[in-house]
Amino acid sequence: MTARWLLASGLLALIGCRDDRLWPASMEQQPALRALAEARPVPAGAVPIGGVEVLFDREDDTDLAPPYPLDEAASQRGRALFAIHCVACHGPDARGDGPVSAKFPPAPNLRHTSICKRTDGFLYGTLTAGGRAMPTMREGTTSRDRWDLVAFVRTLQREGCTGETPAPSGSAAGAP
């Protein structure tokens, strides 16, 4: 039995060492993708780890219900994310008076009655697909992160909504 095994493995070794079937000895001989080649297409029926999220316009998810509870824990996580991603434009109190709004078109007051009336799905869709001047937050945040931001915005809105839009930074209040 051992002799047969040795004979078979020796025969395989001889076949594998033929000149026309050399084992690639250097990196130049290895198969590789060329630089800047496109990514391979996703196989049909494949589901990414985070789930499938196809959203191209913020109006696509107006009736979407949150898959996670928008509770105090979500609001606290959203508060931390808001400080990182949103304060620069919307300001610390989400009134649209962040430092970026002084140089660019002002961000909306998230406590404005028109935004308070929007659905959770619309807010989530705006975070995911972007808005008129707002960039998409799809990269850099997870779906859960964006729902936590919705929970935090809803917490701020429960403190009170207003119909006022803040004056642009650097202008006097009441000036024409």
C-alpha atoms as a PDB file:
ATOM      1  CA  MET A   1       0.000   0.000   0.000  1.00  0.00           C
ATOM      2  CA  THR A   2       2.819   2.392   0.908  1.00  0.00           C
ATOM      3  CA  ALA A   3       4.678   1.530  -2.303  1.00  0.00           C
ATOM      4  CA  ARG A   4       1.645   2.370  -4.411  1.00  0.00           C
ATOM      5  CA  TRP A   5       1.223   5.680  -2.596  1.00  0.00           C
ATOM      6  CA  LEU A   6       4.894   6.556  -3.126  1.00  0.00           C
ATOM      7  CA  LEU A   7       4.672   5.600  -6.793  1.00  0.00           C
ATOM      8  CA  ALA A   8       1.537   7.689  -7.301  1.00  0.00           C
ATOM      9  CA  SER A   9       2.976  10.768  -5.558  1.00  0.00           C
ATOM     10  CA  GLY A  10       6.254  10.411  -7.491  1.00  0.00           C
ATOM     11  CA  LEU A  11       4.326  10.207 -10.756  1.00  0.00           C
ATOM     12  CA  LEU A  12       2.335  13.334  -9.832  1.00  0.00           C
ATOM     13  CA  ALA A  13       5.555  15.142  -8.943  1.00  0.00           C
ATOM     14  CA  LEU A  14       7.051  14.255 -12.353  1.00  0.00           C
ATOM     15  CA  ILE A  15       3.940  15.421 -14.165  1.00  0.00           C
ATOM     16  CA  GLY A  16       3.925  18.671 -12.185  1.00  0.00           C
ATOM     17  CA  CYS A  17       7.587  19.406 -13.016  1.00  0.00           C
ATOM     18  CA  ARG A  18       7.275  19.292 -16.788  1.00  0.00           C
ATOM     19  CA  ASP A  19       8.860  22.251 -18.569  1.00  0.00           C
ATOM     20  CA  ASP A  20       5.608  23.558 -20.025  1.00  0.00           C
ATOM     21  CA  ARG A  21       3.981  23.733 -16.575  1.00  0.00           C
ATOM     22  CA  LEU A  22       6.430  25.687 -14.469  1.00  0.00           C
ATOM     23  CA  TRP A  23       5.227  26.917 -11.111  1.00  0.00           C
ATOM     24  CA  PRO A  24       5.277  30.757 -11.079  1.00  0.00           C
ATOM     25  CA  ALA A  25       8.410  31.591  -9.133  1.00  0.00           C
ATOM     26  CA  SER A  26       8.155  35.370  -9.065  1.00  0.00           C
ATOM     27  CA  MET A  27       5.438  37.985  -8.614  1.00  0.00           C
ATOM     28  CA  GLU A  28       5.695  39.029 -12.267  1.00  0.00           C
ATOM     29  CA  GLN A  29       4.486  35.569 -13.263  1.00  0.00           C
ATOM     30  CA  GLN A  30       1.488  35.581 -10.905  1.00  0.00           C
ATOM     31  CA  PRO A  31      -1.977  36.324 -12.255  1.00  0.00           C
ATOM     32  CA  ALA A  32      -3.108  39.745 -11.068  1.00  0.00           C
ATOM     33  CA  LEU A  33      -5.569  42.513 -11.768  1.00  0.00           C
ATOM     34  CA  ARG A  34      -4.168  45.556 -13.484  1.00  0.00           C
ATOM     35  CA  ALA A  35      -4.101  48.781 -11.500  1.00  0.00           C
ATOM     36  CA  LEU A  36      -7.247  50.905 -11.700  1.00  0.00           C
ATOM     37  CA  ALA A  37      -9.271  48.021 -13.111  1.00  0.00           C
ATOM     38  CA  GLU A  38     -12.966  48.096 -12.293  1.00  0.00           C
ATOM     39  CA  ALA A  39     -14.270  46.058  -9.411  1.00  0.00           C
ATOM     40  CA  ARG A  40     -15.839  42.758 -10.246  1.00  0.00           C
ATOM     41  CA  PRO A  41     -19.605  42.902 -10.603  1.00  0.00           C
ATOM     42  CA  VAL A  42     -21.661  41.693  -7.652  1.00  0.00           C
ATOM     43  CA  PRO A  43     -22.981  38.164  -8.218  1.00  0.00           C
ATOM     44  CA  ALA A  44     -26.711  37.872  -8.786  1.00  0.00           C
ATOM     45  CA  GLY A  45     -28.582  37.389  -5.524  1.00  0.00           C
ATOM     46  CA  ALA A  46     -25.654  38.445  -3.326  1.00  0.00           C
ATOM     47  CA  VAL A  47     -26.556  40.425  -0.222  1.00  0.00           C
ATOM     48  CA  PRO A  48     -23.969  42.688   1.399  1.00  0.00           C
ATOM     49  CA  ILE A  49     -23.281  42.267   5.106  1.00  0.00           C
ATOM     50  CA  GLY A  50     -25.126  45.482   5.967  1.00  0.00           C
ATOM     51  CA  GLY A  51     -28.116  44.603   3.798  1.00  0.00           C
ATOM     52  CA  VAL A  52     -29.243  46.051   0.499  1.00  0.00           C
ATOM     53  CA  GLU A  53     -29.815  49.779   0.501  1.00  0.00           C
ATOM     54  CA  VAL A  54     -30.777  51.211  -2.847  1.00  0.00           C
ATOM     55  CA  LEU A  55     -31.829  54.816  -2.407  1.00  0.00           C
ATOM     56  CA  PHE A  56     -31.153  57.432  -5.055  1.00  0.00           C
ATOM     57  CA  ASP A  57     -33.527  60.197  -3.948  1.00  0.00           C
ATOM     58  CA  ARG A  58     -34.625  61.274  -0.492  1.00  0.00           C
ATOM     59  CA  GLU A  59     -38.248  61.068  -1.578  1.00  0.00           C
ATOM     60  CA  ASP A  60     -37.848  57.286  -2.082  1.00  0.00           C
ATOM     61  CA  ASP A  61     -38.133  56.512   1.639  1.00  0.00           C
ATOM     62  CA  THR A  62     -40.754  58.967   2.876  1.00  0.00           C
ATOM     63  CA  ASP A  63     -42.934  56.164   4.241  1.00  0.00           C
ATOM     64  CA  LEU A  64     -40.070  54.049   5.611  1.00  0.00           C
ATOM     65  CA  ALA A  65     -40.460  53.098   9.269  1.00  0.00           C
ATOM     66  CA  PRO A  66     -37.343  52.887  11.442  1.00  0.00           C
ATOM     67  CA  PRO A  67     -36.074  49.311  11.813  1.00  0.00           C
ATOM     68  CA  TYR A  68     -34.584  50.282  15.191  1.00  0.00           C
ATOM     69  CA  PRO A  69     -36.317  51.939  18.125  1.00  0.00           C
ATOM     70  CA  LEU A  70     -35.769  55.703  18.175  1.00  0.00           C
ATOM     71  CA  ASP A  71     -35.282  55.666  21.935  1.00  0.00           C
ATOM     72  CA  GLU A  72     -33.000  57.547  24.334  1.00  0.00           C
ATOM     73  CA  ALA A  73     -30.023  55.264  23.588  1.00  0.00           C
ATOM     74  CA  ALA A  74     -30.383  55.910  19.848  1.00  0.00           C
ATOM     75  CA  SER A  75     -30.683  59.629  20.538  1.00  0.00           C
ATOM     76  CA  GLN A  76     -27.471  59.606  22.582  1.00  0.00           C
ATOM     77  CA  ARG A  77     -25.598  57.813  19.804  1.00  0.00           C
ATOM     78  CA  GLY A  78     -27.118  60.308  17.364  1.00  0.00           C
ATOM     79  CA  ARG A  79     -25.943  63.234  19.510  1.00  0.00           C
ATOM     80  CA  ALA A  80     -22.333  62.037  19.220  1.00  0.00           C
ATOM     81  CA  LEU A  81     -22.678  61.524  15.456  1.00  0.00           C
ATOM     82  CA  PHE A  82     -24.333  64.939  15.059  1.00  0.00           C
ATOM     83  CA  ALA A  83     -21.346  66.571  16.764  1.00  0.00           C
ATOM     84  CA  ILE A  84     -19.006  64.870  14.289  1.00  0.00           C
ATOM     85  CA  HIS A  85     -20.920  65.127  11.004  1.00  0.00           C
ATOM     86  CA  CYS A  86     -23.569  67.837  11.270  1.00  0.00           C
ATOM     87  CA  VAL A  87     -22.589  70.696  13.595  1.00  0.00           C
ATOM     88  CA  ALA A  88     -20.374  72.375  10.991  1.00  0.00           C
ATOM     89  CA  CYS A  89     -23.411  73.195   8.829  1.00  0.00           C
ATOM     90  CA  HIS A  90     -26.465  72.916  11.100  1.00  0.00           C
ATOM     91  CA  GLY A  91     -24.862  74.358  14.249  1.00  0.00           C
ATOM     92  CA  PRO A  92     -24.773  72.882  17.755  1.00  0.00           C
ATOM     93  CA  ASP A  93     -28.523  73.416  18.285  1.00  0.00           C
ATOM     94  CA  ALA A  94     -29.481  72.312  14.733  1.00  0.00           C
ATOM     95  CA  ARG A  95     -30.784  75.793  13.868  1.00  0.00           C
ATOM     96  CA  GLY A  96     -28.815  76.067  10.611  1.00  0.00           C
ATOM     97  CA  ASP A  97     -26.273  78.481  12.028  1.00  0.00           C
ATOM     98  CA  GLY A  98     -23.071  76.442  11.809  1.00  0.00           C
ATOM     99  CA  PRO A  99     -19.796  78.042  10.716  1.00  0.00           C
ATOM    100  CA  VAL A 100     -20.055  76.579   7.200  1.00  0.00           C
ATOM    101  CA  SER A 101     -23.426  78.298   6.737  1.00  0.00           C
ATOM    102  CA  ALA A 102     -21.662  81.668   7.023  1.00  0.00           C
ATOM    103  CA  LYS A 103     -19.710  80.992   3.789  1.00  0.00           C
ATOM    104  CA  PHE A 104     -22.051  78.760   1.815  1.00  0.00           C
ATOM    105  CA  PRO A 105     -25.811  78.605   1.373  1.00  0.00           C
ATOM    106  CA  PRO A 106     -27.189  78.227   4.898  1.00  0.00           C
ATOM    107  CA  ALA A 107     -28.176  74.799   6.086  1.00  0.00           C
ATOM    108  CA  PRO A 108     -31.811  74.399   7.078  1.00  0.00           C
ATOM    109  CA  ASN A 109     -32.999  74.864  10.630  1.00  0.00           C
ATOM    110  CA  LEU A 110     -33.828  71.295  11.651  1.00  0.00           C
ATOM    111  CA  ARG A 111     -36.275  72.687  14.220  1.00  0.00           C
ATOM    112  CA  HIS A 112     -38.313  74.492  11.571  1.00  0.00           C
ATOM    113  CA  THR A 113     -41.966  73.442  11.450  1.00  0.00           C
ATOM    114  CA  SER A 114     -41.641  72.303   7.831  1.00  0.00           C
ATOM    115  CA  ILE A 115     -38.938  69.805   8.821  1.00  0.00           C
ATOM    116  CA  CYS A 116     -40.750  68.815  12.021  1.00  0.00           C
ATOM    117  CA  LYS A 117     -43.679  67.731   9.830  1.00  0.00           C
ATOM    118  CA  ARG A 118     -41.509  65.486   7.655  1.00  0.00           C
ATOM    119  CA  THR A 119     -41.580  61.729   8.202  1.00  0.00           C
ATOM    120  CA  ASP A 120     -38.738  59.783   9.784  1.00  0.00           C
ATOM    121  CA  GLY A 121     -38.250  58.083   6.412  1.00  0.00           C
ATOM    122  CA  PHE A 122     -37.777  61.437   4.686  1.00  0.00           C
ATOM    123  CA  LEU A 123     -35.131  62.491   7.222  1.00  0.00           C
ATOM    124  CA  TYR A 124     -33.389  59.147   6.813  1.00  0.00           C
ATOM    125  CA  GLY A 125     -33.623  59.455   3.024  1.00  0.00           C
ATOM    126  CA  THR A 126     -32.067  62.925   3.169  1.00  0.00           C
ATOM    127  CA  LEU A 127     -29.178  61.597   5.239  1.00  0.00           C
ATOM    128  CA  THR A 128     -28.716  58.649   2.904  1.00  0.00           C
ATOM    129  CA  ALA A 129     -29.200  60.225  -0.541  1.00  0.00           C
ATOM    130  CA  GLY A 130     -28.434  63.863   0.299  1.00  0.00           C
ATOM    131  CA  GLY A 131     -30.557  66.928  -0.263  1.00  0.00           C
ATOM    132  CA  ARG A 132     -30.369  70.082  -2.375  1.00  0.00           C
ATOM    133  CA  ALA A 133     -27.033  71.253  -0.968  1.00  0.00           C
ATOM    134  CA  MET A 134     -26.467  68.455   1.525  1.00  0.00           C
ATOM    135  CA  PRO A 135     -24.036  65.716   0.544  1.00  0.00           C
ATOM    136  CA  THR A 136     -24.922  62.086   0.961  1.00  0.00           C
ATOM    137  CA  MET A 137     -23.869  60.464   4.220  1.00  0.00           C
ATOM    138  CA  ARG A 138     -24.071  56.940   2.823  1.00  0.00           C
ATOM    139  CA  GLU A 139     -20.292  56.561   2.951  1.00  0.00           C
ATOM    140  CA  GLY A 140     -18.803  56.913   6.395  1.00  0.00           C
ATOM    141  CA  THR A 141     -21.963  56.036   8.295  1.00  0.00           C
ATOM    142  CA  THR A 142     -23.995  52.892   8.671  1.00  0.00           C
ATOM    143  CA  SER A 143     -27.749  52.622   8.308  1.00  0.00           C
ATOM    144  CA  ARG A 144     -27.964  52.400  12.089  1.00  0.00           C
ATOM    145  CA  ASP A 145     -25.914  55.603  12.435  1.00  0.00           C
ATOM    146  CA  ARG A 146     -28.317  57.492  10.179  1.00  0.00           C
ATOM    147  CA  TRP A 147     -31.346  56.225  12.129  1.00  0.00           C
ATOM    148  CA  ASP A 148     -29.617  57.338  15.339  1.00  0.00           C
ATOM    149  CA  LEU A 149     -29.225  60.795  13.806  1.00  0.00           C
ATOM    150  CA  VAL A 150     -32.959  60.818  13.038  1.00  0.00           C
ATOM    151  CA  ALA A 151     -33.631  59.914  16.683  1.00  0.00           C
ATOM    152  CA  PHE A 152     -31.458  62.816  17.868  1.00  0.00           C
ATOM    153  CA  VAL A 153     -33.122  65.300  15.499  1.00  0.00           C
ATOM    154  CA  ARG A 154     -36.533  64.160  16.751  1.00  0.00           C
ATOM    155  CA  THR A 155     -35.328  64.715  20.339  1.00  0.00           C
ATOM    156  CA  LEU A 156     -34.322  68.271  19.439  1.00  0.00           C
ATOM    157  CA  GLN A 157     -37.645  68.860  17.719  1.00  0.00           C
ATOM    158  CA  ARG A 158     -39.572  67.726  20.807  1.00  0.00           C
ATOM    159  CA  GLU A 159     -37.952  70.675  22.602  1.00  0.00           C
ATOM    160  CA  GLY A 160     -39.904  72.906  20.248  1.00  0.00           C
ATOM    161  CA  CYS A 161     -40.345  73.654  16.578  1.00  0.00           C
ATOM    162  CA  THR A 162     -40.434  77.154  15.164  1.00  0.00           C
ATOM    163  CA  GLY A 163     -41.317  78.825  11.902  1.00  0.00           C
ATOM    164  CA  GLU A 164     -38.272  81.083  12.055  1.00  0.00           C
ATOM    165  CA  THR A 165     -35.212  80.752   9.881  1.00  0.00           C
ATOM    166  CA  PRO A 166     -31.974  82.006  11.442  1.00  0.00           C
ATOM    167  CA  ALA A 167     -30.337  85.141  10.056  1.00  0.00           C
ATOM    168  CA  PRO A 168     -27.121  84.351   8.156  1.00  0.00           C
ATOM    169  CA  SER A 169     -24.052  84.575  10.369  1.00  0.00           C
ATOM    170  CA  GLY A 170     -22.392  87.973  10.270  1.00  0.00           C
ATOM    171  CA  SER A 171     -25.575  89.940   9.588  1.00  0.00           C
ATOM    172  CA  ALA A 172     -27.428  91.996  12.148  1.00  0.00           C
ATOM    173  CA  ALA A 173     -30.784  90.668  13.299  1.00  0.00           C
ATOM    174  CA  GLY A 174     -33.590  92.634  11.771  1.00  0.00           C
ATOM    175  CA  ALA A 175     -31.359  94.190   9.098  1.00  0.00           C
ATOM    176  CA  PRO A 176     -32.897  94.334   5.613  1.00  0.00           C
END
